[in-house]
Amino acid sequence: MPMIGITMKHLRYFEALARHGHFGRAAEDCAISQPALSVQMKDLEEMLGASLIERGGKLIRLTRLGEEFALRARSILRSVDELGDLARASHDPLIGRLRFGVIPTVAPYFLPGFIRGLARQYPGLDVLPREAVTQKLVDELLGGRLDAAIVALPISEPSLHEEPLFDEEFVLVRPRQDADKPVPTAEKLREMRLLLLEEGHCFRDQALSFCNMPTTLPRDVMEGSSLSTLVQLVATGVGVTLIPQMAVPVETQSARVSVARLPKPRPARTIGMIWRRTTPLNAQLKSIAASLSRDTCNSAGPMPKAG
């Protein structure tokens, strides 16, 4: 039986519902009312002659057919989006929207200059930034809801291209009154009250790796939702923390803290840009990445002195 009544609208609405598992959140994502979304889903099921959704309470579950249908719908939607990208890729310079993701430990310090630089280089580009933790950005890239993202490498996802941009060190932030004390080694840090980001942040995992600490943390390790929170807590004297070099000018400017380089081998991370290998925008994204790498090298500030 031909499914000539199924539209792109049906597929986009169903994909949002499958992704959120909730009518209210899916409706908000699609910018329609919840009753309108429900009507569209019922129409889709009637055209298919089968149920896609198990309804019950606020949350929904997909039927076996619904799970398979969601996979096919995402593939179709991604292919349609890439048709639009194919047309945009024919323009020089690049025009139209660029959906760009950035991890939280990079976004506040990187996005302003990045967007200004893109506006100069690509005046016809409409940059739509999105801040989220690494796994969410990867999921949205794979689902075709982002064009590219700035993350800490490696990601090791076969369908994504990784383009390194620059390396940066982590620095130690401790109360100002401790500025003259010896800088602790990784072993000594394990004995101190270390403040870390909440689970889900890749920077948290990198800090734990440097200190050779298990992911199951002792009770005296405190957690925060942002680097700003961690630095302000350090200023009160409750512990110490690690932050990336790019965050130092912003986060320590008004806090009563001292900043020190850690002993060698110093912890560091590689920041890079990732995108789908299949995107028609590959050449343009490589050009943007090259420009970002040059700009970062030219604007890199001095590292804080040890101690």
C-alpha atoms as a PDB file:
ATOM      1  CA  MET A   1       0.000   0.000   0.000  1.00  0.00           C
ATOM      2  CA  PRO A   2       1.649   3.340  -1.055  1.00  0.00           C
ATOM      3  CA  MET A   3       2.275   5.882   1.706  1.00  0.00           C
ATOM      4  CA  ILE A   4       1.819   8.961  -0.499  1.00  0.00           C
ATOM      5  CA  GLY A   5       0.144  10.877   2.331  1.00  0.00           C
ATOM      6  CA  ILE A   6       3.243  10.919   4.566  1.00  0.00           C
ATOM      7  CA  THR A   7       4.923  14.319   4.540  1.00  0.00           C
ATOM      8  CA  MET A   8       8.215  15.721   5.823  1.00  0.00           C
ATOM      9  CA  LYS A   9       6.181  17.385   8.550  1.00  0.00           C
ATOM     10  CA  HIS A  10       4.970  13.994   9.761  1.00  0.00           C
ATOM     11  CA  LEU A  11       8.535  12.683   9.818  1.00  0.00           C
ATOM     12  CA  ARG A  12       9.937  15.700  11.676  1.00  0.00           C
ATOM     13  CA  TYR A  13       7.179  15.632  14.272  1.00  0.00           C
ATOM     14  CA  PHE A  14       7.523  11.900  14.823  1.00  0.00           C
ATOM     15  CA  GLU A  15      11.320  12.106  15.043  1.00  0.00           C
ATOM     16  CA  ALA A  16      11.033  14.808  17.732  1.00  0.00           C
ATOM     17  CA  LEU A  17       8.543  12.704  19.676  1.00  0.00           C
ATOM     18  CA  ALA A  18      10.756   9.613  19.417  1.00  0.00           C
ATOM     19  CA  ARG A  19      13.764  11.618  20.586  1.00  0.00           C
ATOM     20  CA  HIS A  20      12.077  13.301  23.560  1.00  0.00           C
ATOM     21  CA  GLY A  21       9.715  10.490  24.553  1.00  0.00           C
ATOM     22  CA  HIS A  22       7.303  13.176  25.731  1.00  0.00           C
ATOM     23  CA  PHE A  23       4.490  14.983  23.862  1.00  0.00           C
ATOM     24  CA  GLY A  24       4.972  18.297  25.665  1.00  0.00           C
ATOM     25  CA  ARG A  25       8.738  18.557  25.050  1.00  0.00           C
ATOM     26  CA  ALA A  26       8.389  17.351  21.460  1.00  0.00           C
ATOM     27  CA  ALA A  27       5.645  19.902  20.778  1.00  0.00           C
ATOM     28  CA  GLU A  28       7.828  22.672  22.204  1.00  0.00           C
ATOM     29  CA  ASP A  29      10.748  21.529  20.069  1.00  0.00           C
ATOM     30  CA  CYS A  30       8.542  21.614  16.959  1.00  0.00           C
ATOM     31  CA  ALA A  31       6.969  24.979  17.921  1.00  0.00           C
ATOM     32  CA  ILE A  32       3.400  23.622  17.793  1.00  0.00           C
ATOM     33  CA  SER A  33       0.758  22.881  20.409  1.00  0.00           C
ATOM     34  CA  GLN A  34       0.591  19.497  22.092  1.00  0.00           C
ATOM     35  CA  PRO A  35      -2.924  18.749  20.734  1.00  0.00           C
ATOM     36  CA  ALA A  36      -1.740  19.574  17.201  1.00  0.00           C
ATOM     37  CA  LEU A  37       1.193  17.183  17.584  1.00  0.00           C
ATOM     38  CA  SER A  38      -1.136  14.459  18.863  1.00  0.00           C
ATOM     39  CA  VAL A  39      -3.411  14.920  15.826  1.00  0.00           C
ATOM     40  CA  GLN A  40      -0.456  14.671  13.445  1.00  0.00           C
ATOM     41  CA  MET A  41       0.725  11.442  15.100  1.00  0.00           C
ATOM     42  CA  LYS A  42      -2.729   9.896  14.901  1.00  0.00           C
ATOM     43  CA  ASP A  43      -2.902  10.828  11.204  1.00  0.00           C
ATOM     44  CA  LEU A  44       0.476   9.189  10.607  1.00  0.00           C
ATOM     45  CA  GLU A  45      -0.576   5.986  12.363  1.00  0.00           C
ATOM     46  CA  GLU A  46      -3.824   5.882  10.373  1.00  0.00           C
ATOM     47  CA  MET A  47      -1.905   6.198   7.107  1.00  0.00           C
ATOM     48  CA  LEU A  48       0.404   3.385   8.185  1.00  0.00           C
ATOM     49  CA  GLY A  49      -2.411   1.249   9.519  1.00  0.00           C
ATOM     50  CA  ALA A  50      -0.310   0.445  12.605  1.00  0.00           C
ATOM     51  CA  SER A  51       0.653   1.923  15.961  1.00  0.00           C
ATOM     52  CA  LEU A  52       3.981   3.691  16.382  1.00  0.00           C
ATOM     53  CA  ILE A  53       3.497   4.838  19.971  1.00  0.00           C
ATOM     54  CA  GLU A  54       2.443   3.216  23.227  1.00  0.00           C
ATOM     55  CA  ARG A  55       0.501   5.943  25.011  1.00  0.00           C
ATOM     56  CA  GLY A  56       0.247   6.107  28.787  1.00  0.00           C
ATOM     57  CA  GLY A  57       0.699   9.121  31.024  1.00  0.00           C
ATOM     58  CA  LYS A  58       3.047  11.950  30.103  1.00  0.00           C
ATOM     59  CA  LEU A  59       5.826   9.738  28.786  1.00  0.00           C
ATOM     60  CA  ILE A  60       5.482   7.590  25.685  1.00  0.00           C
ATOM     61  CA  ARG A  61       7.210   4.480  24.412  1.00  0.00           C
ATOM     62  CA  LEU A  62       7.723   3.451  20.829  1.00  0.00           C
ATOM     63  CA  THR A  63       6.328   0.193  19.529  1.00  0.00           C
ATOM     64  CA  ARG A  64       8.686  -2.175  17.758  1.00  0.00           C
ATOM     65  CA  LEU A  65       7.529  -0.671  14.462  1.00  0.00           C
ATOM     66  CA  GLY A  66       7.941   2.809  15.939  1.00  0.00           C
ATOM     67  CA  GLU A  67      11.589   2.157  16.799  1.00  0.00           C
ATOM     68  CA  GLU A  68      12.354   1.001  13.267  1.00  0.00           C
ATOM     69  CA  PHE A  69      10.307   3.845  11.777  1.00  0.00           C
ATOM     70  CA  ALA A  70      12.258   6.376  13.883  1.00  0.00           C
ATOM     71  CA  LEU A  71      15.574   5.107  12.516  1.00  0.00           C
ATOM     72  CA  ARG A  72      14.341   5.389   8.917  1.00  0.00           C
ATOM     73  CA  ALA A  73      12.784   8.815   9.552  1.00  0.00           C
ATOM     74  CA  ARG A  74      16.068  10.163  10.959  1.00  0.00           C
ATOM     75  CA  SER A  75      17.956   8.849   7.939  1.00  0.00           C
ATOM     76  CA  ILE A  76      15.493  10.487   5.547  1.00  0.00           C
ATOM     77  CA  LEU A  77      15.525  13.810   7.411  1.00  0.00           C
ATOM     78  CA  ARG A  78      19.326  13.841   7.519  1.00  0.00           C
ATOM     79  CA  SER A  79      19.476  13.181   3.759  1.00  0.00           C
ATOM     80  CA  VAL A  80      16.998  15.979   3.055  1.00  0.00           C
ATOM     81  CA  ASP A  81      18.988  18.400   5.213  1.00  0.00           C
ATOM     82  CA  GLU A  82      22.141  17.447   3.340  1.00  0.00           C
ATOM     83  CA  LEU A  83      20.425  18.296   0.041  1.00  0.00           C
ATOM     84  CA  GLY A  84      20.082  21.826   1.375  1.00  0.00           C
ATOM     85  CA  ASP A  85      23.718  21.743   2.500  1.00  0.00           C
ATOM     86  CA  LEU A  86      24.717  20.636  -0.999  1.00  0.00           C
ATOM     87  CA  ALA A  87      23.123  23.789  -2.424  1.00  0.00           C
ATOM     88  CA  ARG A  88      24.761  25.977   0.237  1.00  0.00           C
ATOM     89  CA  ALA A  89      28.148  24.378  -0.440  1.00  0.00           C
ATOM     90  CA  SER A  90      27.975  25.684  -4.004  1.00  0.00           C
ATOM     91  CA  HIS A  91      28.105  29.279  -2.705  1.00  0.00           C
ATOM     92  CA  ASP A  92      31.425  30.971  -2.081  1.00  0.00           C
ATOM     93  CA  PRO A  93      31.571  32.326   0.544  1.00  0.00           C
ATOM     94  CA  LEU A  94      29.281  30.087   2.592  1.00  0.00           C
ATOM     95  CA  ILE A  95      25.800  31.480   3.295  1.00  0.00           C
ATOM     96  CA  GLY A  96      22.730  30.454   5.300  1.00  0.00           C
ATOM     97  CA  ARG A  97      22.507  28.912   8.752  1.00  0.00           C
ATOM     98  CA  LEU A  98      25.332  27.170  10.553  1.00  0.00           C
ATOM     99  CA  ARG A  99      24.164  25.120  13.546  1.00  0.00           C
ATOM    100  CA  PHE A 100      27.181  25.004  15.800  1.00  0.00           C
ATOM    101  CA  GLY A 101      27.643  23.205  19.118  1.00  0.00           C
ATOM    102  CA  VAL A 102      30.222  24.005  21.810  1.00  0.00           C
ATOM    103  CA  ILE A 103      30.968  22.259  25.110  1.00  0.00           C
ATOM    104  CA  PRO A 104      30.354  24.335  28.301  1.00  0.00           C
ATOM    105  CA  THR A 105      34.048  24.530  29.288  1.00  0.00           C
ATOM    106  CA  VAL A 106      34.801  26.249  25.970  1.00  0.00           C
ATOM    107  CA  ALA A 107      31.633  28.178  25.042  1.00  0.00           C
ATOM    108  CA  PRO A 108      31.839  31.285  27.325  1.00  0.00           C
ATOM    109  CA  TYR A 109      35.471  31.966  26.439  1.00  0.00           C
ATOM    110  CA  PHE A 110      35.433  30.978  22.780  1.00  0.00           C
ATOM    111  CA  LEU A 111      32.044  31.803  21.262  1.00  0.00           C
ATOM    112  CA  PRO A 112      32.174  35.644  21.240  1.00  0.00           C
ATOM    113  CA  GLY A 113      35.403  35.805  19.231  1.00  0.00           C
ATOM    114  CA  PHE A 114      34.361  32.862  17.067  1.00  0.00           C
ATOM    115  CA  ILE A 115      31.070  34.440  16.054  1.00  0.00           C
ATOM    116  CA  ARG A 116      32.717  37.822  15.371  1.00  0.00           C
ATOM    117  CA  GLY A 117      35.360  36.130  13.224  1.00  0.00           C
ATOM    118  CA  LEU A 118      32.754  34.206  11.222  1.00  0.00           C
ATOM    119  CA  ALA A 119      30.730  37.381  10.667  1.00  0.00           C
ATOM    120  CA  ARG A 120      33.786  39.036   9.104  1.00  0.00           C
ATOM    121  CA  GLN A 121      34.757  36.054   6.977  1.00  0.00           C
ATOM    122  CA  TYR A 122      31.218  34.941   6.031  1.00  0.00           C
ATOM    123  CA  PRO A 123      28.847  37.953   6.149  1.00  0.00           C
ATOM    124  CA  GLY A 124      25.980  35.884   4.742  1.00  0.00           C
ATOM    125  CA  LEU A 125      26.223  33.219   7.435  1.00  0.00           C
ATOM    126  CA  ASP A 126      23.641  32.915  10.226  1.00  0.00           C
ATOM    127  CA  VAL A 127      25.365  31.201  13.165  1.00  0.00           C
ATOM    128  CA  LEU A 128      23.061  29.308  15.536  1.00  0.00           C
ATOM    129  CA  PRO A 129      25.145  28.317  18.605  1.00  0.00           C
ATOM    130  CA  ARG A 130      24.230  25.490  20.960  1.00  0.00           C
ATOM    131  CA  GLU A 131      25.945  24.796  24.281  1.00  0.00           C
ATOM    132  CA  ALA A 132      25.786  21.227  25.606  1.00  0.00           C
ATOM    133  CA  VAL A 133      27.971  18.450  26.995  1.00  0.00           C
ATOM    134  CA  THR A 134      29.927  16.320  24.554  1.00  0.00           C
ATOM    135  CA  GLN A 135      27.584  13.334  24.296  1.00  0.00           C
ATOM    136  CA  LYS A 136      24.572  15.526  23.510  1.00  0.00           C
ATOM    137  CA  LEU A 137      26.520  17.360  20.811  1.00  0.00           C
ATOM    138  CA  VAL A 138      27.636  14.069  19.262  1.00  0.00           C
ATOM    139  CA  ASP A 139      24.058  12.756  19.293  1.00  0.00           C
ATOM    140  CA  GLU A 140      22.774  15.940  17.650  1.00  0.00           C
ATOM    141  CA  LEU A 141      25.503  15.837  15.010  1.00  0.00           C
ATOM    142  CA  LEU A 142      24.711  12.228  14.171  1.00  0.00           C
ATOM    143  CA  GLY A 143      21.009  13.093  14.067  1.00  0.00           C
ATOM    144  CA  GLY A 144      21.594  15.962  11.638  1.00  0.00           C
ATOM    145  CA  ARG A 145      20.495  18.651  14.114  1.00  0.00           C
ATOM    146  CA  LEU A 146      23.953  20.255  14.185  1.00  0.00           C
ATOM    147  CA  ASP A 147      26.421  20.982  11.379  1.00  0.00           C
ATOM    148  CA  ALA A 148      29.587  20.991  13.500  1.00  0.00           C
ATOM    149  CA  ALA A 149      30.781  21.210  17.093  1.00  0.00           C
ATOM    150  CA  ILE A 150      33.773  22.282  19.160  1.00  0.00           C
ATOM    151  CA  VAL A 151      34.738  19.566  21.670  1.00  0.00           C
ATOM    152  CA  ALA A 152      37.727  18.025  23.423  1.00  0.00           C
ATOM    153  CA  LEU A 153      39.306  15.330  21.265  1.00  0.00           C
ATOM    154  CA  PRO A 154      39.358  12.452  20.655  1.00  0.00           C
ATOM    155  CA  ILE A 155      35.714  11.497  20.170  1.00  0.00           C
ATOM    156  CA  SER A 156      36.426   8.222  18.333  1.00  0.00           C
ATOM    157  CA  GLU A 157      33.102   8.118  16.487  1.00  0.00           C
ATOM    158  CA  PRO A 158      33.762   6.548  13.032  1.00  0.00           C
ATOM    159  CA  SER A 159      31.138   8.624  11.219  1.00  0.00           C
ATOM    160  CA  LEU A 160      32.547  11.952  12.480  1.00  0.00           C
ATOM    161  CA  HIS A 161      35.587  13.799  11.159  1.00  0.00           C
ATOM    162  CA  GLU A 162      37.896  15.261  13.830  1.00  0.00           C
ATOM    163  CA  GLU A 163      39.954  18.383  13.096  1.00  0.00           C
ATOM    164  CA  PRO A 164      42.361  19.408  15.892  1.00  0.00           C
ATOM    165  CA  LEU A 165      42.489  23.166  16.513  1.00  0.00           C
ATOM    166  CA  PHE A 166      44.808  23.768  19.465  1.00  0.00           C
ATOM    167  CA  ASP A 167      46.119  22.323  22.722  1.00  0.00           C
ATOM    168  CA  GLU A 168      45.734  24.008  26.081  1.00  0.00           C
ATOM    169  CA  GLU A 169      46.939  23.236  29.570  1.00  0.00           C
ATOM    170  CA  PHE A 170      44.924  22.945  32.779  1.00  0.00           C
ATOM    171  CA  VAL A 171      45.939  25.224  35.619  1.00  0.00           C
ATOM    172  CA  LEU A 172      45.501  24.989  39.368  1.00  0.00           C
ATOM    173  CA  VAL A 173      43.189  27.458  41.128  1.00  0.00           C
ATOM    174  CA  ARG A 174      43.554  27.738  44.907  1.00  0.00           C
ATOM    175  CA  PRO A 175      42.776  30.342  47.602  1.00  0.00           C
ATOM    176  CA  ARG A 176      44.859  33.511  47.348  1.00  0.00           C
ATOM    177  CA  GLN A 177      46.431  32.900  50.744  1.00  0.00           C
ATOM    178  CA  ASP A 178      47.983  29.691  49.377  1.00  0.00           C
ATOM    179  CA  ALA A 179      49.811  31.489  46.536  1.00  0.00           C
ATOM    180  CA  ASP A 180      53.250  31.104  48.146  1.00  0.00           C
ATOM    181  CA  LYS A 181      52.868  27.414  48.941  1.00  0.00           C
ATOM    182  CA  PRO A 182      54.562  24.790  46.740  1.00  0.00           C
ATOM    183  CA  VAL A 183      52.456  23.735  43.775  1.00  0.00           C
ATOM    184  CA  PRO A 184      51.087  20.247  44.532  1.00  0.00           C
ATOM    185  CA  THR A 185      51.818  17.264  42.355  1.00  0.00           C
ATOM    186  CA  ALA A 186      49.049  15.036  41.023  1.00  0.00           C
ATOM    187  CA  GLU A 187      49.638  12.721  43.987  1.00  0.00           C
ATOM    188  CA  LYS A 188      49.268  15.599  46.459  1.00  0.00           C
ATOM    189  CA  LEU A 189      46.088  16.797  44.736  1.00  0.00           C
ATOM    190  CA  ARG A 190      44.473  13.450  45.553  1.00  0.00           C
ATOM    191  CA  GLU A 191      44.951  14.273  49.227  1.00  0.00           C
ATOM    192  CA  MET A 192      43.316  17.720  48.913  1.00  0.00           C
ATOM    193  CA  ARG A 193      39.655  18.690  48.669  1.00  0.00           C
ATOM    194  CA  LEU A 194      39.240  18.833  44.904  1.00  0.00           C
ATOM    195  CA  LEU A 195      36.286  20.628  43.324  1.00  0.00           C
ATOM    196  CA  LEU A 196      35.059  19.127  40.046  1.00  0.00           C
ATOM    197  CA  LEU A 197      32.341  19.636  37.467  1.00  0.00           C
ATOM    198  CA  GLU A 198      29.272  17.414  37.586  1.00  0.00           C
ATOM    199  CA  GLU A 199      29.152  14.113  35.732  1.00  0.00           C
ATOM    200  CA  GLY A 200      28.716  14.425  31.969  1.00  0.00           C
ATOM    201  CA  HIS A 201      31.438  17.038  31.496  1.00  0.00           C
ATOM    202  CA  CYS A 202      34.489  15.702  29.673  1.00  0.00           C
ATOM    203  CA  PHE A 203      36.689  18.190  31.565  1.00  0.00           C
ATOM    204  CA  ARG A 204      35.746  16.416  34.796  1.00  0.00           C
ATOM    205  CA  ASP A 205      37.000  13.108  33.393  1.00  0.00           C
ATOM    206  CA  GLN A 206      40.238  14.720  32.210  1.00  0.00           C
ATOM    207  CA  ALA A 207      40.885  16.222  35.661  1.00  0.00           C
ATOM    208  CA  LEU A 208      40.240  12.869  37.325  1.00  0.00           C
ATOM    209  CA  SER A 209      42.586  11.166  34.875  1.00  0.00           C
ATOM    210  CA  PHE A 210      45.390  13.615  35.674  1.00  0.00           C
ATOM    211  CA  CYS A 211      44.971  13.017  39.397  1.00  0.00           C
ATOM    212  CA  ASN A 212      44.657   9.272  38.769  1.00  0.00           C
ATOM    213  CA  MET A 213      41.404   9.262  40.721  1.00  0.00           C
ATOM    214  CA  PRO A 214      38.544   6.765  40.218  1.00  0.00           C
ATOM    215  CA  THR A 215      35.232   7.944  38.773  1.00  0.00           C
ATOM    216  CA  THR A 216      33.564   6.801  42.014  1.00  0.00           C
ATOM    217  CA  LEU A 217      34.581   9.728  44.160  1.00  0.00           C
ATOM    218  CA  PRO A 218      35.021  10.007  47.937  1.00  0.00           C
ATOM    219  CA  ARG A 219      32.569  12.192  49.802  1.00  0.00           C
ATOM    220  CA  ASP A 220      35.002  15.073  50.306  1.00  0.00           C
ATOM    221  CA  VAL A 221      35.200  15.758  46.544  1.00  0.00           C
ATOM    222  CA  MET A 222      32.779  18.595  45.805  1.00  0.00           C
ATOM    223  CA  GLU A 223      30.979  19.155  42.503  1.00  0.00           C
ATOM    224  CA  GLY A 224      29.709  22.228  40.677  1.00  0.00           C
ATOM    225  CA  SER A 225      27.661  22.942  37.566  1.00  0.00           C
ATOM    226  CA  SER A 226      30.141  25.395  35.985  1.00  0.00           C
ATOM    227  CA  LEU A 227      33.766  26.509  36.133  1.00  0.00           C
ATOM    228  CA  SER A 228      32.565  29.845  37.520  1.00  0.00           C
ATOM    229  CA  THR A 229      30.931  28.072  40.481  1.00  0.00           C
ATOM    230  CA  LEU A 230      34.090  26.080  41.162  1.00  0.00           C
ATOM    231  CA  VAL A 231      36.326  29.166  41.157  1.00  0.00           C
ATOM    232  CA  GLN A 232      34.006  31.087  43.473  1.00  0.00           C
ATOM    233  CA  LEU A 233      33.961  28.123  45.868  1.00  0.00           C
ATOM    234  CA  VAL A 234      37.760  28.060  45.847  1.00  0.00           C
ATOM    235  CA  ALA A 235      37.732  31.756  46.793  1.00  0.00           C
ATOM    236  CA  THR A 236      35.825  30.867  49.966  1.00  0.00           C
ATOM    237  CA  GLY A 237      38.602  28.482  50.971  1.00  0.00           C
ATOM    238  CA  VAL A 238      36.706  25.188  50.673  1.00  0.00           C
ATOM    239  CA  GLY A 239      39.121  23.523  48.251  1.00  0.00           C
ATOM    240  CA  VAL A 240      41.072  23.733  45.004  1.00  0.00           C
ATOM    241  CA  THR A 241      40.157  23.106  41.381  1.00  0.00           C
ATOM    242  CA  LEU A 242      41.558  22.753  37.871  1.00  0.00           C
ATOM    243  CA  ILE A 243      40.379  24.927  34.981  1.00  0.00           C
ATOM    244  CA  PRO A 244      41.466  25.236  31.330  1.00  0.00           C
ATOM    245  CA  GLN A 245      43.841  28.061  30.434  1.00  0.00           C
ATOM    246  CA  MET A 246      41.247  29.875  28.288  1.00  0.00           C
ATOM    247  CA  ALA A 247      38.976  30.281  31.329  1.00  0.00           C
ATOM    248  CA  VAL A 248      41.567  32.066  33.480  1.00  0.00           C
ATOM    249  CA  PRO A 249      41.009  35.697  32.335  1.00  0.00           C
ATOM    250  CA  VAL A 250      37.228  35.438  32.733  1.00  0.00           C
ATOM    251  CA  GLU A 251      36.797  33.290  35.833  1.00  0.00           C
ATOM    252  CA  THR A 252      39.619  34.543  38.073  1.00  0.00           C
ATOM    253  CA  GLN A 253      39.379  38.273  37.374  1.00  0.00           C
ATOM    254  CA  SER A 254      37.191  39.135  40.353  1.00  0.00           C
ATOM    255  CA  ALA A 255      37.799  36.089  42.567  1.00  0.00           C
ATOM    256  CA  ARG A 256      40.213  36.017  45.503  1.00  0.00           C
ATOM    257  CA  VAL A 257      42.208  33.107  44.119  1.00  0.00           C
ATOM    258  CA  SER A 258      45.703  32.380  42.840  1.00  0.00           C
ATOM    259  CA  VAL A 259      46.514  30.539  39.622  1.00  0.00           C
ATOM    260  CA  ALA A 260      49.525  28.289  39.112  1.00  0.00           C
ATOM    261  CA  ARG A 261      50.916  25.993  36.459  1.00  0.00           C
ATOM    262  CA  LEU A 262      51.129  22.402  37.579  1.00  0.00           C
ATOM    263  CA  PRO A 263      54.380  20.397  37.612  1.00  0.00           C
ATOM    264  CA  LYS A 264      55.357  18.474  34.492  1.00  0.00           C
ATOM    265  CA  PRO A 265      53.948  16.433  32.899  1.00  0.00           C
ATOM    266  CA  ARG A 266      51.215  19.075  32.906  1.00  0.00           C
ATOM    267  CA  PRO A 267      47.612  18.077  32.144  1.00  0.00           C
ATOM    268  CA  ALA A 268      46.277  19.369  28.836  1.00  0.00           C
ATOM    269  CA  ARG A 269      43.523  18.797  26.335  1.00  0.00           C
ATOM    270  CA  THR A 270      43.168  19.051  22.563  1.00  0.00           C
ATOM    271  CA  ILE A 271      40.273  21.194  21.394  1.00  0.00           C
ATOM    272  CA  GLY A 272      38.942  20.348  17.970  1.00  0.00           C
ATOM    273  CA  MET A 273      36.085  20.692  15.557  1.00  0.00           C
ATOM    274  CA  ILE A 274      33.966  17.708  14.510  1.00  0.00           C
ATOM    275  CA  TRP A 275      31.406  17.166  11.782  1.00  0.00           C
ATOM    276  CA  ARG A 276      29.763  14.333   9.849  1.00  0.00           C
ATOM    277  CA  ARG A 277      31.985  12.762   7.208  1.00  0.00           C
ATOM    278  CA  THR A 278      29.037  12.734   4.789  1.00  0.00           C
ATOM    279  CA  THR A 279      28.239  16.452   4.973  1.00  0.00           C
ATOM    280  CA  PRO A 280      28.504  18.391   1.686  1.00  0.00           C
ATOM    281  CA  LEU A 281      29.935  21.270   3.748  1.00  0.00           C
ATOM    282  CA  ASN A 282      33.187  19.400   4.368  1.00  0.00           C
ATOM    283  CA  ALA A 283      35.417  21.841   2.427  1.00  0.00           C
ATOM    284  CA  GLN A 284      33.808  24.904   4.046  1.00  0.00           C
ATOM    285  CA  LEU A 285      34.083  23.437   7.544  1.00  0.00           C
ATOM    286  CA  LYS A 286      37.756  22.620   6.947  1.00  0.00           C
ATOM    287  CA  SER A 287      38.296  26.248   5.958  1.00  0.00           C
ATOM    288  CA  ILE A 288      36.527  27.479   9.107  1.00  0.00           C
ATOM    289  CA  ALA A 289      38.599  25.105  11.246  1.00  0.00           C
ATOM    290  CA  ALA A 290      41.840  26.348   9.670  1.00  0.00           C
ATOM    291  CA  SER A 291      40.816  29.938  10.331  1.00  0.00           C
ATOM    292  CA  LEU A 292      39.951  29.114  13.945  1.00  0.00           C
ATOM    293  CA  SER A 293      43.310  27.443  14.481  1.00  0.00           C
ATOM    294  CA  ARG A 294      45.193  30.466  13.092  1.00  0.00           C
ATOM    295  CA  ASP A 295      43.159  32.961  15.131  1.00  0.00           C
ATOM    296  CA  THR A 296      43.690  30.993  18.343  1.00  0.00           C
ATOM    297  CA  CYS A 297      47.442  30.750  17.835  1.00  0.00           C
ATOM    298  CA  ASN A 298      47.657  34.494  17.185  1.00  0.00           C
ATOM    299  CA  SER A 299      45.572  35.464  20.233  1.00  0.00           C
ATOM    300  CA  ALA A 300      46.899  32.986  22.805  1.00  0.00           C
ATOM    301  CA  GLY A 301      47.753  34.746  26.036  1.00  0.00           C
ATOM    302  CA  PRO A 302      50.619  33.996  28.425  1.00  0.00           C
ATOM    303  CA  MET A 303      50.356  31.160  30.887  1.00  0.00           C
ATOM    304  CA  PRO A 304      50.271  31.992  34.599  1.00  0.00           C
ATOM    305  CA  LYS A 305      53.545  31.640  36.483  1.00  0.00           C
ATOM    306  CA  ALA A 306      54.024  28.666  38.765  1.00  0.00           C
ATOM    307  CA  GLY A 307      53.471  29.204  42.463  1.00  0.00           C
END
